[in-house]
Amino acid sequence: MTHIKLKLSVLISIILTITLSTASCSQSTDKTAKTDSIENSFTSKKSYQQKLTQLLHPYKIDIQQGNVITAEMLEKLHIGMTKPQVKNLLGTSVLSESPTKNQWLYVYNNATAGVTTAQQSLVLAFNQDGLLEDIHEEKEEKIVN
């Protein structure tokens, strides 16, 4: 990330240098016109720099990670289901190889513009016969303006 910021600042410096030198070359030879041109050039360069700074910021993509579990899926999920039935309904869990092998973990995270907006976890416990005996769900959603 530091390299990206460094490269971005170098790129901005190069663009500003080119812009400043191009604007300087187009100034008039008349002294009064030259003074006016320098003042106008400075203010326009300053506003240009501000606009450029506002436009050049890193784009942060939306990221969805893990298992998306919908309300419909949870309605179909019930105690007594077998492991293959659960896997068919919810898909492969993030962590199905727990030390006891009878606990599966489903996790979902959604980030918008680098800020986590939703987190969901679902822990399923199976008995010795491989039947679902406990369902524990945690869900958190954040509103981002």
Protein backbone atom coordinates (compact mmCIF):
# COMPACT_ATOMS: atom_id res chain seq x y z
CA MET A 1 0.00 0.00 0.00
CA THR A 2 2.92 2.33 0.76
CA HIS A 3 4.32 1.72 -2.73
CA ILE A 4 0.97 2.66 -4.27
CA LYS A 5 0.82 5.91 -2.30
CA LEU A 6 4.43 6.70 -3.25
CA LYS A 7 3.79 5.98 -6.93
CA LEU A 8 0.59 8.05 -6.81
CA SER A 9 2.40 11.04 -5.26
CA VAL A 10 5.18 10.78 -7.89
CA LEU A 11 2.55 10.65 -10.64
CA ILE A 12 0.78 13.71 -9.25
CA SER A 13 4.10 15.58 -9.04
CA ILE A 14 4.91 14.75 -12.67
CA ILE A 15 1.47 15.84 -13.87
CA LEU A 16 1.67 19.09 -11.93
CA THR A 17 5.20 19.83 -13.19
CA ILE A 18 4.13 19.32 -16.79
CA THR A 19 1.03 21.45 -16.25
CA LEU A 20 3.01 24.23 -14.61
CA SER A 21 5.72 24.27 -17.26
CA THR A 22 3.17 24.23 -20.10
CA ALA A 23 1.26 27.13 -18.56
CA SER A 24 4.53 29.08 -18.07
CA CYS A 25 5.50 28.68 -21.75
CA SER A 26 2.26 30.23 -22.95
CA GLN A 27 2.72 33.56 -21.13
CA SER A 28 2.85 36.86 -23.05
CA THR A 29 6.04 38.90 -23.49
CA ASP A 30 4.35 42.16 -22.51
CA LYS A 31 5.22 42.96 -18.86
CA THR A 32 1.72 43.90 -17.69
CA ALA A 33 0.17 41.04 -19.59
CA LYS A 34 2.90 38.80 -18.22
CA THR A 35 2.12 39.80 -14.62
CA ASP A 36 -1.62 39.27 -15.15
CA SER A 37 -0.92 35.98 -16.85
CA ILE A 38 1.28 34.78 -13.96
CA GLU A 39 -1.41 35.67 -11.41
CA ASN A 40 -4.16 33.99 -13.46
CA SER A 41 -1.92 31.02 -14.12
CA PHE A 42 -1.15 30.64 -10.42
CA THR A 43 -4.80 30.73 -9.37
CA SER A 44 -5.88 28.42 -12.16
CA LYS A 45 -3.01 26.04 -11.33
CA LYS A 46 -4.03 26.07 -7.69
CA SER A 47 -7.65 25.25 -8.51
CA TYR A 48 -6.45 22.66 -11.02
CA GLN A 49 -4.29 21.08 -8.33
CA GLN A 50 -7.26 20.97 -5.95
CA LYS A 51 -9.48 19.38 -8.59
CA LEU A 52 -6.78 16.90 -9.50
CA THR A 53 -6.28 15.94 -5.85
CA GLN A 54 -10.02 15.37 -5.45
CA LEU A 55 -10.16 13.18 -8.52
CA LEU A 56 -7.04 11.09 -7.91
CA HIS A 57 -7.82 8.91 -4.97
CA PRO A 58 -7.53 5.14 -4.82
CA TYR A 59 -10.60 3.21 -5.92
CA LYS A 60 -11.71 0.72 -3.31
CA ILE A 61 -13.73 -2.15 -4.67
CA ASP A 62 -16.61 -3.89 -2.93
CA ILE A 63 -15.43 -7.18 -1.48
CA GLN A 64 -17.62 -10.12 -0.53
CA GLN A 65 -15.88 -12.95 1.27
CA GLY A 66 -17.13 -16.25 2.57
CA ASN A 67 -20.48 -17.98 2.31
CA VAL A 68 -23.54 -15.92 1.46
CA ILE A 69 -26.38 -17.31 3.55
CA THR A 70 -29.83 -16.00 2.73
CA ALA A 71 -32.94 -15.96 4.92
CA GLU A 72 -34.47 -18.63 2.64
CA MET A 73 -31.53 -20.93 3.30
CA LEU A 74 -31.89 -20.45 7.06
CA GLU A 75 -35.62 -21.23 6.86
CA LYS A 76 -34.83 -24.57 5.20
CA LEU A 77 -32.12 -25.40 7.74
CA HIS A 78 -33.43 -27.46 10.67
CA ILE A 79 -32.27 -29.71 13.48
CA GLY A 80 -31.87 -33.34 12.42
CA MET A 81 -30.47 -32.71 8.93
CA THR A 82 -27.51 -34.82 7.85
CA LYS A 83 -24.12 -33.37 6.92
CA PRO A 84 -24.66 -34.01 3.17
CA GLN A 85 -28.07 -32.28 3.34
CA VAL A 86 -26.55 -29.24 5.06
CA LYS A 87 -23.67 -29.13 2.57
CA ASN A 88 -26.14 -29.34 -0.33
CA LEU A 89 -28.18 -26.46 1.14
CA LEU A 90 -25.41 -24.09 2.34
CA GLY A 91 -22.34 -25.19 0.40
CA THR A 92 -18.94 -26.06 1.81
CA SER A 93 -18.21 -24.32 5.09
CA VAL A 94 -15.14 -22.19 5.74
CA LEU A 95 -14.13 -24.49 8.55
CA SER A 96 -15.54 -28.01 8.42
CA GLU A 97 -12.44 -29.76 9.72
CA SER A 98 -12.63 -28.65 13.34
CA PRO A 99 -10.83 -30.79 15.93
CA THR A 100 -14.08 -32.60 16.73
CA LYS A 101 -15.19 -32.67 13.04
CA ASN A 102 -18.71 -32.14 14.32
CA GLN A 103 -18.75 -28.36 14.08
CA TRP A 104 -18.96 -26.36 10.86
CA LEU A 105 -18.36 -22.63 10.56
CA TYR A 106 -19.85 -20.42 7.85
CA VAL A 107 -18.56 -16.83 7.71
CA TYR A 108 -19.53 -13.93 5.44
CA ASN A 109 -18.05 -10.42 5.24
CA ASN A 110 -18.97 -7.58 2.90
CA ALA A 111 -16.84 -4.44 2.57
CA THR A 112 -17.85 -1.37 0.59
CA ALA A 113 -15.11 1.15 -0.22
CA GLY A 114 -12.85 -0.45 2.34
CA VAL A 115 -15.38 -0.30 5.18
CA THR A 116 -16.99 -3.48 6.51
CA THR A 117 -20.76 -3.16 6.02
CA ALA A 118 -21.97 -6.65 6.92
CA GLN A 119 -20.68 -9.61 8.90
CA GLN A 120 -22.43 -12.90 9.44
CA SER A 121 -21.36 -16.13 11.07
CA LEU A 122 -23.18 -19.40 11.40
CA VAL A 123 -21.93 -22.22 13.60
CA LEU A 124 -23.48 -25.65 13.13
CA ALA A 125 -22.92 -28.50 15.57
CA PHE A 126 -23.52 -32.12 14.66
CA ASN A 127 -23.94 -35.09 16.98
CA GLN A 128 -21.98 -38.37 16.77
CA ASP A 129 -24.44 -39.74 14.21
CA GLY A 130 -23.75 -36.79 11.88
CA LEU A 131 -27.12 -35.11 12.47
CA LEU A 132 -27.46 -31.38 13.01
CA GLU A 133 -28.16 -30.67 16.67
CA ASP A 134 -27.40 -26.95 17.18
CA ILE A 135 -27.56 -23.78 15.07
CA HIS A 136 -25.94 -20.54 16.26
CA GLU A 137 -26.13 -17.43 14.07
CA GLU A 138 -24.61 -13.98 14.57
CA LYS A 139 -25.33 -11.13 12.17
CA GLU A 140 -24.13 -7.52 12.15
CA GLU A 141 -24.87 -4.86 9.55
CA LYS A 142 -23.44 -1.35 9.48
CA ILE A 143 -24.93 1.57 7.62
CA VAL A 144 -22.29 3.50 5.66
CA ASN A 145 -23.07 6.98 4.38
